Protein backbone atom coordinates (compact mmCIF):
# COMPACT_ATOMS: atom_id res chain seq x y z
CA MET A 1 151.43 105.81 280.70
CA ALA A 2 149.78 105.03 284.13
CA ALA A 3 148.48 108.12 286.00
CA THR A 4 149.25 108.62 289.69
CA GLY A 5 146.53 108.72 292.44
CA LEU A 6 145.86 112.65 291.48
CA GLY A 7 145.59 111.97 287.91
CA PHE A 8 148.70 113.37 287.05
CA HIS A 9 151.22 112.77 284.54
CA PRO A 10 154.58 113.92 285.94
CA ALA A 11 156.49 113.17 282.49
CA ALA A 12 153.44 115.06 280.86
CA PHE A 13 153.57 117.92 282.85
CA PHE A 14 157.03 118.57 282.49
CA SER A 15 157.23 118.32 278.89
CA ALA A 16 154.48 120.86 278.87
CA HIS A 17 156.50 123.19 280.45
CA PRO A 18 159.88 122.73 278.54
CA ARG A 19 161.52 126.40 278.86
CA GLU A 20 161.52 129.23 281.57
CA ALA A 21 158.00 131.13 281.50
CA GLY A 22 159.72 134.34 280.39
CA THR A 23 161.44 132.97 277.25
CA ILE A 24 158.14 131.44 275.55
CA THR A 25 156.04 134.62 276.32
CA LYS A 26 157.53 136.05 273.38
CA GLN A 27 156.31 134.34 270.94
CA LEU A 28 152.72 135.04 271.71
CA PRO A 29 151.61 138.26 269.87
CA PHE A 30 148.94 140.37 272.29
CA ARG A 31 146.02 141.69 270.88
CA HIS A 32 143.55 144.66 272.43
CA CYS A 33 140.18 143.47 272.77
CA SER A 34 137.78 146.08 274.14
CA HIS A 35 134.99 144.17 275.38
CA HIS A 36 136.71 141.22 276.52
CA ARG A 37 138.43 139.88 279.22
CA ILE A 38 142.14 139.19 277.78
CA ARG A 39 144.85 137.63 279.67
CA VAL A 40 146.49 140.33 281.88
CA ALA A 41 150.04 139.12 280.61
CA ARG A 42 151.29 137.28 277.63
CA ARG A 43 152.78 134.58 279.69
CA THR A 44 149.65 133.64 281.11
CA CYS A 45 148.31 132.93 277.90
CA LEU A 46 150.75 130.79 276.52
CA LEU A 47 151.00 128.89 279.42
CA ARG A 48 147.23 127.80 279.31
CA ALA A 49 147.28 127.22 275.90
CA LYS A 50 150.46 125.05 276.11
CA SER A 51 149.00 123.32 278.86
CA SER A 52 145.75 122.73 277.01
CA ASN A 53 147.43 120.27 274.36
CA GLY A 54 145.53 117.16 275.51
CA ARG A 55 147.58 117.18 278.89
CA PRO A 56 146.31 116.08 281.98
CA GLN A 57 146.64 118.64 285.07
CA ILE A 58 146.96 118.33 288.68
CA GLY A 59 143.72 118.37 290.58
CA ALA A 60 141.64 116.30 287.97
CA SER A 61 140.86 112.77 287.19
CA PHE A 62 141.62 112.49 283.50
CA SER A 63 142.90 109.23 283.47
CA ASN A 64 141.24 106.42 280.83
CA SER A 65 142.94 103.57 279.53
CA ASN A 66 140.92 103.77 276.11
CA VAL A 67 142.57 107.05 275.41
CA PRO A 68 144.88 106.37 272.40
CA ALA A 69 148.73 106.69 273.20
CA GLU A 70 148.92 109.77 270.76
CA VAL A 71 146.34 111.79 272.45
CA LEU A 72 148.04 111.14 275.82
CA ASP A 73 151.57 112.15 274.54
CA GLY A 74 150.31 115.37 272.97
CA ARG A 75 150.60 114.36 269.67
CA ALA A 76 146.88 114.37 268.54
CA ALA A 77 146.29 117.64 270.65
CA GLY A 78 149.21 118.90 269.21
CA ASP A 79 152.81 119.87 271.11
CA GLY A 80 155.20 120.31 267.86
CA PRO A 81 157.48 123.15 267.29
CA PRO A 82 155.99 126.27 266.08
CA GLU A 83 156.16 126.66 262.28
CA GLN A 84 157.53 129.89 260.74
CA GLY A 85 155.03 132.43 259.97
CA GLY A 86 153.01 132.05 263.25
CA SER A 87 149.76 130.35 264.14
CA THR A 88 146.34 130.10 262.74
CA VAL A 89 143.32 128.98 264.41
CA SER A 90 140.32 127.01 262.28
CA ILE A 91 137.09 127.38 263.97
CA THR A 92 134.58 124.54 262.63
CA VAL A 93 130.88 124.99 263.07
CA VAL A 94 129.49 121.31 262.83
CA GLY A 95 125.65 121.89 262.25
CA ALA A 96 126.33 125.12 260.57
CA SER A 97 122.75 125.00 259.11
CA GLY A 98 121.05 124.72 262.41
CA ASP A 99 119.30 127.32 264.43
CA LEU A 100 121.82 127.56 267.27
CA ALA A 101 124.67 128.32 264.62
CA LYS A 102 122.99 130.79 262.83
CA LYS A 103 121.34 132.54 266.08
CA LYS A 104 124.37 132.32 268.41
CA ILE A 105 127.59 130.96 267.35
CA PHE A 106 128.24 132.64 263.91
CA PRO A 107 127.12 135.98 265.23
CA ALA A 108 129.61 135.44 268.30
CA LEU A 109 132.34 134.87 266.15
CA PHE A 110 131.44 137.73 264.13
CA ALA A 111 131.41 140.17 267.21
CA LEU A 112 135.00 138.52 268.29
CA PHE A 113 136.02 139.84 264.90
CA TYR A 114 134.46 142.80 265.37
CA GLU A 115 136.03 143.82 268.60
CA ASP A 116 139.66 142.54 267.20
CA CYS A 117 139.33 140.04 270.07
CA LEU A 118 140.20 136.92 267.31
CA PRO A 119 143.54 135.86 266.12
CA LYS A 120 145.09 137.54 263.04
CA HIS A 121 144.97 134.41 261.19
CA PHE A 122 141.86 132.58 261.51
CA THR A 123 139.32 130.55 259.24
CA VAL A 124 135.91 129.81 260.22
CA PHE A 125 134.10 126.69 258.43
CA GLY A 126 130.96 125.22 258.23
CA TYR A 127 130.17 121.79 258.36
CA ALA A 128 126.62 120.08 257.87
CA ARG A 129 124.88 117.20 255.66
CA SER A 130 123.10 120.18 253.66
CA LYS A 131 124.21 120.90 250.41
CA MET A 132 125.57 124.21 250.00
CA SER A 133 128.24 126.52 248.72
CA ASP A 134 130.50 128.75 250.20
CA GLU A 135 128.45 131.85 249.17
CA GLU A 136 125.39 130.37 250.04
CA LEU A 137 126.64 129.95 253.75
CA ARG A 138 127.96 133.33 253.74
CA ASN A 139 124.42 134.62 252.59
CA MET A 140 122.91 132.37 255.19
CA ILE A 141 124.97 133.83 257.98
CA SER A 142 124.72 137.25 256.77
CA MET A 143 121.34 137.37 257.77
CA THR A 144 122.08 137.11 261.36
CA LEU A 145 124.90 139.54 261.68
CA THR A 146 124.62 142.67 263.43
CA CYS A 147 126.90 145.69 264.23
CA ARG A 148 124.97 145.98 267.77
CA ILE A 149 127.91 147.17 269.66
CA ASP A 150 128.49 150.84 268.69
CA LYS A 151 127.32 150.96 265.07
CA ARG A 152 130.29 152.17 263.59
CA GLU A 153 130.91 153.29 260.16
CA ASN A 154 133.18 150.42 258.97
CA CYS A 155 130.62 147.80 260.15
CA GLY A 156 129.89 146.79 256.41
CA ASP A 157 133.64 146.62 255.91
CA LYS A 158 134.11 144.36 258.55
CA MET A 159 131.32 142.15 258.01
CA GLU A 160 132.28 141.44 254.45
CA GLN A 161 136.00 140.78 255.75
CA PHE A 162 134.44 138.23 258.23
CA LEU A 163 132.45 136.35 255.72
CA GLN A 164 135.34 135.95 253.19
CA ARG A 165 137.11 133.99 256.07
CA CYS A 166 133.78 131.82 256.07
CA PHE A 167 133.85 128.72 253.89
CA TYR A 168 131.38 125.44 253.66
CA GLN A 169 132.21 121.54 253.46
CA SER A 170 129.14 119.33 253.27
CA GLY A 171 129.19 115.60 254.82
CA GLN A 172 127.78 113.29 257.07
CA TYR A 173 128.34 113.48 260.60
CA ASN A 174 129.79 109.74 260.69
CA SER A 175 132.03 110.13 257.85
CA GLU A 176 135.59 110.15 258.03
CA ASP A 177 135.88 110.77 254.47
CA GLY A 178 133.83 114.20 254.93
CA PHE A 179 136.27 114.90 257.69
CA ALA A 180 139.23 114.24 255.48
CA GLU A 181 137.83 116.58 252.82
CA LEU A 182 137.37 119.13 255.43
CA ASP A 183 141.20 118.42 256.65
CA ARG A 184 142.35 118.97 253.41
CA LYS A 185 140.47 122.50 252.68
CA LEU A 186 141.77 123.42 256.04
CA LYS A 187 145.57 122.56 255.10
CA GLU A 188 145.20 124.84 252.42
CA LYS A 189 144.20 128.09 254.51
CA GLU A 190 146.81 126.85 257.27
CA ALA A 191 149.74 126.60 254.59
CA GLY A 192 152.98 127.63 256.33
CA LYS A 193 151.22 128.60 260.16
CA LEU A 194 151.24 126.52 263.32
CA PRO A 195 147.80 125.18 262.89
CA ASN A 196 145.16 124.89 265.87
CA ARG A 197 141.66 123.79 265.40
CA LEU A 198 138.69 124.34 267.24
CA PHE A 199 135.19 122.17 266.75
CA TYR A 200 131.96 123.56 267.93
CA LEU A 201 129.63 120.78 267.91
CA SER A 202 126.29 122.55 267.61
CA ILE A 203 124.11 119.21 266.99
CA PRO A 204 122.06 116.52 268.64
CA PRO A 205 123.86 114.58 271.55
CA ASN A 206 123.00 111.42 269.73
CA ILE A 207 125.55 111.96 267.10
CA PHE A 208 128.33 113.76 269.45
CA VAL A 209 130.73 110.36 269.52
CA ASP A 210 129.97 109.86 265.73
CA VAL A 211 131.54 113.46 264.93
CA VAL A 212 134.54 113.19 267.52
CA ARG A 213 135.55 109.51 266.05
CA SER A 214 135.35 110.95 262.47
CA ALA A 215 137.13 113.94 263.51
CA SER A 216 139.68 113.36 265.59
CA ARG A 217 140.80 110.40 263.24
CA THR A 218 141.06 112.70 260.10
CA ALA A 219 140.88 116.36 260.72
CA SER A 220 142.88 116.79 263.78
CA SER A 221 145.69 119.21 263.67
CA SER A 222 149.21 117.56 263.30
CA SER A 223 151.09 119.79 265.24
CA GLY A 224 149.17 122.49 267.14
CA TRP A 225 146.08 122.08 269.46
CA THR A 226 142.68 120.62 268.64
CA ARG A 227 139.72 121.36 270.71
CA PHE A 228 135.77 120.16 270.63
CA ILE A 229 133.07 122.32 272.43
CA VAL A 230 130.23 120.31 273.07
CA GLU A 231 126.80 121.78 273.83
CA LYS A 232 124.22 120.41 276.46
CA PRO A 233 122.59 118.06 277.31
CA PHE A 234 125.33 115.84 278.47
CA GLY A 235 123.32 112.62 278.78
CA ARG A 236 119.82 112.13 280.45
CA ASP A 237 120.91 110.71 284.05
CA SER A 238 124.10 109.71 285.47
CA GLU A 239 124.35 106.36 283.43
CA SER A 240 124.15 108.17 280.15
CA SER A 241 126.40 111.10 281.02
CA GLY A 242 128.99 108.41 281.78
CA GLU A 243 128.57 106.34 278.95
CA LEU A 244 128.75 109.46 276.80
CA THR A 245 132.08 110.79 278.61
CA ARG A 246 133.44 107.26 278.36
CA SER A 247 133.02 107.10 274.67
CA LEU A 248 134.29 110.66 274.15
CA LYS A 249 137.34 110.18 275.97
CA MET A 250 137.93 106.97 273.75
CA TYR A 251 139.16 109.68 271.19
CA LEU A 252 139.91 112.71 273.10
CA ALA A 253 141.71 113.26 276.30
CA GLU A 254 139.68 115.34 278.95
CA GLU A 255 141.55 118.50 278.21
CA GLN A 256 140.24 118.89 274.62
CA ILE A 257 136.76 118.22 275.70
CA PHE A 258 135.20 121.99 276.61
CA ARG A 259 131.46 121.36 277.78
CA ILE A 260 129.88 124.61 277.07
CA ASP A 261 126.82 125.76 279.93
CA HIS A 262 126.15 129.20 278.15
CA TYR A 263 124.80 130.56 281.47
CA LEU A 264 128.42 130.39 282.62
CA GLY A 265 129.28 133.12 280.01
CA LYS A 266 126.58 135.68 281.38
CA GLU A 267 127.79 138.85 282.74
CA LEU A 268 126.34 138.33 286.14
CA VAL A 269 127.50 134.71 286.45
CA GLU A 270 130.99 136.15 285.85
CA ASN A 271 130.77 138.85 288.44
CA LEU A 272 129.41 136.63 291.20
CA SER A 273 133.43 135.46 292.35
CA VAL A 274 134.09 139.37 292.11
CA LEU A 275 131.43 140.57 294.19
CA ARG A 276 132.16 138.19 296.59
CA PHE A 277 135.78 137.35 297.12
CA SER A 278 137.11 141.01 296.19
CA ASN A 279 134.65 142.84 298.65
CA LEU A 280 135.18 142.74 302.25
CA VAL A 281 131.60 143.58 302.99
CA PHE A 282 130.18 140.26 301.48
CA GLU A 283 132.55 137.51 302.27
CA PRO A 284 132.06 137.37 306.15
CA LEU A 285 128.21 137.11 305.70
CA TRP A 286 128.57 134.49 303.10
CA SER A 287 127.46 131.85 305.31
CA ARG A 288 124.75 130.06 307.71
CA ASN A 289 125.40 132.44 310.18
CA TYR A 290 124.06 135.54 308.07
CA ILE A 291 122.42 133.77 305.18
CA ARG A 292 118.70 132.43 305.80
CA ASN A 293 118.05 131.27 302.33
CA VAL A 294 119.42 131.47 298.79
CA GLN A 295 116.75 131.27 295.68
CA LEU A 296 117.92 130.66 292.05
CA ILE A 297 114.79 131.69 289.88
CA PHE A 298 114.57 131.07 285.95
CA SER A 299 111.20 132.04 284.01
CA GLU A 300 110.16 132.29 280.79
CA ASP A 301 107.09 134.06 279.52
CA PHE A 302 106.57 131.84 276.31
CA GLY A 303 106.02 128.38 276.25
CA THR A 304 107.79 125.36 273.95
CA GLU A 305 106.12 127.04 270.82
CA GLY A 306 106.87 124.10 268.53
CA ARG A 307 109.35 122.57 270.38
CA GLY A 308 107.75 120.53 272.15
CA GLY A 309 108.64 117.14 271.09
CA TYR A 310 112.40 117.79 271.77
CA PHE A 311 111.53 119.28 275.34
CA ASP A 312 109.73 116.40 276.02
CA SER A 313 112.18 114.22 276.15
CA TYR A 314 114.12 116.25 278.59
CA GLY A 315 111.57 118.41 280.75
CA ILE A 316 112.38 121.61 282.64
CA ILE A 317 114.66 119.96 285.53
CA ARG A 318 116.94 118.64 282.80
CA ASP A 319 117.04 121.77 280.55
CA ILE A 320 117.60 124.42 283.21
CA MET A 321 118.06 123.35 286.69
CA GLN A 322 120.65 120.43 286.42
CA ASN A 323 122.77 122.37 284.71
CA HIS A 324 122.69 126.10 284.47
CA LEU A 325 121.28 126.65 287.88
CA LEU A 326 123.27 124.06 289.49
CA GLN A 327 126.51 125.59 287.98
CA ILE A 328 125.37 129.05 289.45
CA LEU A 329 124.83 127.59 292.70
CA ALA A 330 128.07 125.93 292.83
CA LEU A 331 129.72 129.15 291.74
CA PHE A 332 127.64 130.88 294.65
CA ALA A 333 128.63 128.55 297.36
CA MET A 334 131.96 127.10 296.94
CA GLU A 335 134.98 128.27 299.25
CA THR A 336 137.73 130.59 298.34
CA PRO A 337 139.77 128.63 295.61
CA VAL A 338 143.61 128.82 295.76
CA SER A 339 144.07 131.11 292.66
CA LEU A 340 141.68 132.16 289.83
CA ASP A 341 143.54 128.82 287.62
CA ALA A 342 140.88 126.83 285.95
CA GLU A 343 141.65 123.76 287.91
CA ASP A 344 141.61 125.65 291.35
CA ILE A 345 138.02 127.39 290.88
CA ARG A 346 136.77 123.75 289.30
CA ASN A 347 137.94 121.99 292.17
CA GLU A 348 135.74 123.87 294.25
CA LYS A 349 132.96 123.46 292.44
CA VAL A 350 133.16 120.06 292.59
CA LYS A 351 133.52 119.65 296.54
CA VAL A 352 130.15 121.93 296.74
CA LEU A 353 128.23 119.18 294.38
CA ARG A 354 129.81 116.31 296.41
CA SER A 355 128.53 118.04 299.53
CA MET A 356 124.97 118.43 298.51
CA ARG A 357 122.35 116.00 299.60
CA GLN A 358 120.39 113.69 296.68
CA LEU A 359 117.16 115.39 296.03
CA LYS A 360 114.06 113.81 297.15
CA LEU A 361 110.64 113.60 295.73
CA GLU A 362 109.04 115.34 298.96
CA ASP A 363 111.46 118.07 297.76
CA VAL A 364 110.41 118.87 294.59
CA VAL A 365 107.08 120.39 292.94
CA VAL A 366 106.37 119.72 289.28
CA GLY A 367 104.05 121.71 286.92
CA GLN A 368 102.56 121.99 283.47
CA TYR A 369 101.15 124.80 281.80
CA LYS A 370 97.90 124.63 280.52
CA GLY A 371 95.64 126.79 277.62
CA HIS A 372 94.44 129.94 278.88
CA THR A 373 92.97 133.15 277.33
CA ARG A 374 94.05 136.80 278.60
CA GLY A 375 93.06 140.11 276.95
CA GLY A 376 90.84 138.51 273.94
CA LYS A 377 94.09 136.28 273.27
CA SER A 378 94.11 132.35 273.52
CA PHE A 379 97.33 130.96 274.31
CA PRO A 380 97.69 127.08 274.15
CA GLY A 381 98.83 124.59 276.97
CA TYR A 382 101.59 122.32 276.69
CA ALA A 383 99.63 119.41 275.76
CA ASP A 384 98.11 121.33 272.72
CA ASP A 385 101.35 121.22 271.17
CA PRO A 386 101.16 118.66 268.37
CA THR A 387 104.42 117.76 268.97
CA VAL A 388 104.07 116.48 272.59
CA PRO A 389 103.15 112.93 273.09
CA LYS A 390 99.17 112.76 274.09
CA GLY A 391 99.16 112.13 277.84
CA SER A 392 102.87 113.62 278.76
CA VAL A 393 103.61 114.27 282.36
CA THR A 394 107.00 116.15 281.34
CA PRO A 395 107.11 119.07 283.72
CA THR A 396 107.34 122.42 282.18
CA PHE A 397 107.86 123.86 285.48
CA ALA A 398 109.62 122.53 288.65
CA ALA A 399 110.76 123.99 292.37
CA ALA A 400 113.42 122.07 294.33
CA ALA A 401 114.85 122.52 298.01
CA LEU A 402 118.50 121.25 297.93
CA PHE A 403 120.95 121.68 300.83
CA ILE A 404 124.66 121.50 301.13
CA ASP A 405 125.80 119.55 304.41
CA ASN A 406 128.98 121.72 304.84
CA ALA A 407 130.30 123.48 307.67
CA ARG A 408 129.67 126.71 306.07
CA TRP A 409 125.92 126.01 304.71
CA ASP A 410 124.46 123.40 306.98
CA GLY A 411 120.53 123.89 307.34
CA VAL A 412 120.28 126.74 305.01
CA PRO A 413 117.71 125.70 302.13
CA PHE A 414 118.55 126.48 298.43
CA LEU A 415 115.30 127.00 296.47
CA MET A 416 115.18 126.65 293.03
CA LYS A 417 112.69 127.00 290.52
CA ALA A 418 112.46 127.38 286.66
CA GLY A 419 109.40 127.30 284.31
CA LYS A 420 108.09 128.04 280.98
CA ALA A 421 104.91 130.18 280.13
CA LEU A 422 105.25 131.93 283.20
CA HIS A 423 104.21 136.00 283.93
CA THR A 424 107.60 137.23 283.31
CA ARG A 425 111.20 136.42 281.83
CA ARG A 426 113.79 136.67 284.39
CA ALA A 427 116.57 134.92 285.74
CA GLU A 428 118.00 135.87 289.11
CA ILE A 429 119.70 134.86 292.14
CA ARG A 430 118.44 136.23 295.62
CA VAL A 431 120.07 135.92 298.83
CA GLN A 432 118.02 136.67 301.89
CA PHE A 433 119.42 137.44 304.79
CA ARG A 434 118.42 136.43 308.26
CA ARG A 435 116.58 138.76 311.00
CA VAL A 436 118.16 141.29 312.96
CA PRO A 437 118.42 139.64 316.67
CA GLY A 438 116.84 142.13 318.88
CA ASN A 439 115.86 144.64 316.63
CA LEU A 440 115.19 147.97 318.27
CA TYR A 441 112.19 149.02 316.00
CA ARG A 442 109.93 145.68 316.61
CA ARG A 443 107.77 147.33 318.96
CA ARG A 444 106.92 150.12 316.89
CA SER A 445 106.55 147.42 313.69
CA ALA A 446 104.11 145.49 315.79
CA ALA A 447 102.01 148.66 317.11
CA GLY A 448 101.91 149.78 313.50
CA ALA A 449 103.78 152.97 313.80
CA ALA A 450 106.90 151.94 311.80
CA GLY A 451 104.81 151.58 308.62
CA LEU A 452 106.86 148.30 308.02
CA ASP A 453 106.98 144.70 309.37
CA VAL A 454 110.65 144.98 310.09
CA ASP A 455 111.02 141.29 310.84
CA ALA A 456 109.38 140.02 307.75
CA ALA A 457 111.44 142.99 305.66
CA THR A 458 114.85 141.30 306.09
CA ASN A 459 117.83 142.54 303.87
CA GLU A 460 117.88 140.46 300.39
CA LEU A 461 120.89 140.68 297.37
CA VAL A 462 119.73 140.47 294.07
CA LEU A 463 121.66 139.48 291.26
CA ARG A 464 119.66 140.02 288.33
CA VAL A 465 121.25 137.71 285.54
CA GLN A 466 118.60 138.76 282.67
CA PRO A 467 116.88 140.92 281.57
CA ASP A 468 118.15 144.41 282.48
CA GLU A 469 121.45 143.05 284.14
CA ALA A 470 121.32 144.72 287.99
CA ILE A 471 122.67 143.88 291.44
CA TYR A 472 120.56 145.48 294.15
CA LEU A 473 120.30 145.40 297.84
CA LYS A 474 117.06 145.87 299.75
CA ILE A 475 117.47 147.63 303.04
CA ASN A 476 115.41 148.82 305.70
CA ASN A 477 115.44 152.85 305.58
CA LYS A 478 113.65 155.96 307.29
CA VAL A 479 111.32 157.62 305.22
CA PRO A 480 111.92 161.45 305.44
CA GLY A 481 110.00 163.63 307.42
CA LEU A 482 109.46 164.28 311.21
CA GLY A 483 108.01 161.06 312.09
CA MET A 484 109.80 157.67 312.57
CA ARG A 485 108.44 155.57 309.82
CA LEU A 486 110.25 153.18 308.13
CA ASP A 487 110.58 152.07 304.10
CA ARG A 488 111.89 149.22 302.30
CA SER A 489 114.48 150.73 299.66
CA ASP A 490 117.12 149.54 297.08
CA LEU A 491 120.68 150.21 297.01
CA ASN A 492 121.24 149.58 292.88
CA LEU A 493 123.68 149.12 290.41
CA LEU A 494 121.54 149.00 287.10
CA TYR A 495 124.07 148.10 284.55
CA SER A 496 122.82 150.04 281.84
CA GLU A 497 123.04 153.18 283.74
CA ARG A 498 126.35 152.58 285.14
CA TYR A 499 127.99 151.07 282.18
CA ARG A 500 127.40 152.82 278.72
CA ARG A 501 128.92 149.94 276.82
CA GLU A 502 127.08 146.79 274.98
CA ILE A 503 127.33 143.49 277.42
CA PRO A 504 128.79 140.92 275.22
CA ASP A 505 126.45 137.75 274.58
CA ALA A 506 127.62 134.60 276.76
CA TYR A 507 128.60 132.70 273.76
CA GLU A 508 131.51 135.47 272.75
CA ARG A 509 132.84 135.04 276.27
CA LEU A 510 132.81 131.58 276.19
CA LEU A 511 134.44 131.02 272.27
CA LEU A 512 136.85 133.46 273.17
CA ASP A 513 137.90 131.39 276.36
CA ALA A 514 137.85 127.98 274.45
CA ILE A 515 140.46 129.63 271.71
CA GLU A 516 142.59 130.85 274.51
CA GLY A 517 142.36 127.35 276.25
CA GLU A 518 140.72 128.99 279.53
CA ARG A 519 138.73 126.21 280.91
CA ARG A 520 137.45 128.48 284.16
CA LEU A 521 133.78 128.54 282.68
CA PHE A 522 133.60 124.93 281.16
CA ILE A 523 132.40 122.09 282.95
CA ARG A 524 135.04 119.04 283.76
CA SER A 525 133.84 115.10 283.73
CA ASP A 526 133.77 114.87 287.36
CA GLU A 527 132.12 118.07 287.98
CA LEU A 528 129.21 116.52 285.52
CA ASP A 529 129.12 113.22 287.66
CA ALA A 530 128.55 115.01 290.96
CA ALA A 531 125.81 117.01 289.20
CA TRP A 532 123.79 113.92 287.87
CA ALA A 533 124.01 112.36 291.10
CA ILE A 534 122.24 115.18 292.84
CA PHE A 535 118.99 114.75 290.26
CA THR A 536 119.47 111.49 288.94
CA PRO A 537 117.18 109.37 291.62
CA VAL A 538 114.26 112.02 291.65
CA LEU A 539 114.56 112.27 287.88
CA ARG A 540 113.89 108.41 287.73
CA GLU A 541 111.25 108.34 290.30
CA LEU A 542 109.24 111.02 288.69
CA GLU A 543 109.35 108.81 285.47
CA GLU A 544 108.51 105.72 287.12
CA LYS A 545 105.80 107.08 289.38
CA ARG A 546 104.42 109.17 286.26
CA VAL A 547 104.03 111.82 288.86
CA ALA A 548 101.10 113.75 287.45
CA PRO A 549 102.48 117.54 287.18
CA GLU A 550 100.00 120.56 288.71
CA LEU A 551 98.41 122.63 286.14
CA TYR A 552 99.01 126.15 285.75
CA PRO A 553 97.64 128.70 283.50
CA TYR A 554 99.90 130.01 280.78
CA GLY A 555 101.03 133.57 281.71
CA SER A 556 100.55 132.80 285.55
CA ARG A 557 103.19 132.78 288.22
CA GLY A 558 103.16 128.75 288.33
CA PRO A 559 101.75 125.96 290.42
CA VAL A 560 100.55 126.76 294.33
CA GLY A 561 102.52 123.88 295.44
CA ALA A 562 105.77 125.80 294.92
CA HIS A 563 104.64 128.31 297.73
CA TYR A 564 103.99 125.45 299.96
CA LEU A 565 107.48 124.16 299.10
CA ALA A 566 108.95 127.25 300.26
CA ALA A 567 106.49 127.52 303.36
CA ASN A 568 108.17 124.30 304.44
CA TYR A 569 111.39 125.88 305.12
CA ASN A 570 109.74 129.41 306.51
CA VAL A 571 110.71 130.86 303.27
CA ARG A 572 108.60 133.24 300.63
CA TRP A 573 109.76 133.48 297.01
CA GLY A 574 111.25 136.99 296.18
CA ASP A 575 110.00 137.40 293.07
CA ILE A 576 106.52 137.37 294.12
CA THR A 577 106.38 139.95 296.86
CA SER A 578 104.54 143.06 296.69
CA ASP A 579 107.47 145.07 296.96
CA ASP A 580 109.35 143.64 294.05
CA ASP A 581 107.82 143.81 290.66
CA GLY A 582 111.02 142.94 289.18
CA SER A 583 111.71 146.61 288.60
CA PHE A 584 113.51 149.82 290.12
């Protein structure tokens, strides 16, 4: 079927909505889920699920001549009539023996089950090359499961119920026979129900295509939907990312591919659009007229710790900046979407990314941590890691100045920095506002009577993503007393004090969204292309010229060059000023 200029297949669209919405909503049972965002109406849930069966949507460029016809017309993704007995979801974690699966994915699935967020009928399968029995898988999983939400008395029972739904299939990642055997076992569990299948690829990117090829051919649902969650990295540059996308689309439609960036599932990132679009006080200020600069900061207080071999092939720019921080930037800077529909939001993010200038080498500072002794304890440098190649110039720190060339943000520097082995662990967005024109208190400040440099102490909005989630606004305030002295104070919302409930892990939210077919927090292929277009030129230049990173001590605030970069745009990093130690 040929695509229209909008990447939209009219026949597929109308066949995906064969009946009036009020009729089909009755098929979907509603389940209460206390810690998660469940769709407000069953109608919305079902329509999203129906449109997720491998069918292109308006506003997305999903056409690919290599996609098999059975994928495009919905058979591979599933659009058959409902079977008697309701539906079931089978979740297969590919790479089940790896750290990510053990530490994040299985615990997230259990948390969803614990909070009654999973469908009534579901099965979890682990798939990996290791030889393992069902019982051995359950023992492995049980080591990382916790009843962290409220430690209710029935936790042990819930854990046992969850583990009894977990099974294992051993096989090679490129083996159709292995996935055919998985398909046979899945069908046994799905008997009598409409089968829906979700595959989580918790594996290195070099075997994504092998798994998708084998699983899509032999283990796709015959009548329900089939979806694949793909973990980053999505390539190393524009060329490799494009090749990966083309290869995946040989076996899957775009709507079956869920590219996960777990930072988009963080509570404060989710709250970003709520803060902006549902509060009149913020939206009018959200432009070059009032905002002087925006800072996106990510720091870890530990190094690569034995993972240097893996990290060295990517570096901090690919690992953090091109995905996590750039995704947050796009959400922060986008225009108001037409609706909260996934495609409307992702369309606006793509517009922002396409408006951004390509990053230049002069607007980038790179660093690498070196060994340091503090308090009688020695901390090894990056180059001391035996898994790191000798003479490596891979950056463990980077700072960059980016610009969006559109009417809203013209001239506003968006400063990013990310690094390992720094003095603290944090991830935050800092919005520094412009100075007050004709400030009445400038003269008193200049004379030292005000107690505060009011020109330097501009308003700043901070969204702390982790740790200790918080939103706070820095304001200039009068110190109580008979005199007129000013102070800088915080109006703060500290989540741990305001909300007495556990904040869900990002993987819980994203897994739930994938099961429901909600794509808002997943990355579309054209969005990925636009993101790589910004960073690929400077990444190639750094590698071709073997630019030597500035060394900084383990546990420090990073390279001095980052301060010079900010100073070029008359900016000071907000996380290192004397009045902000990262706490209230």
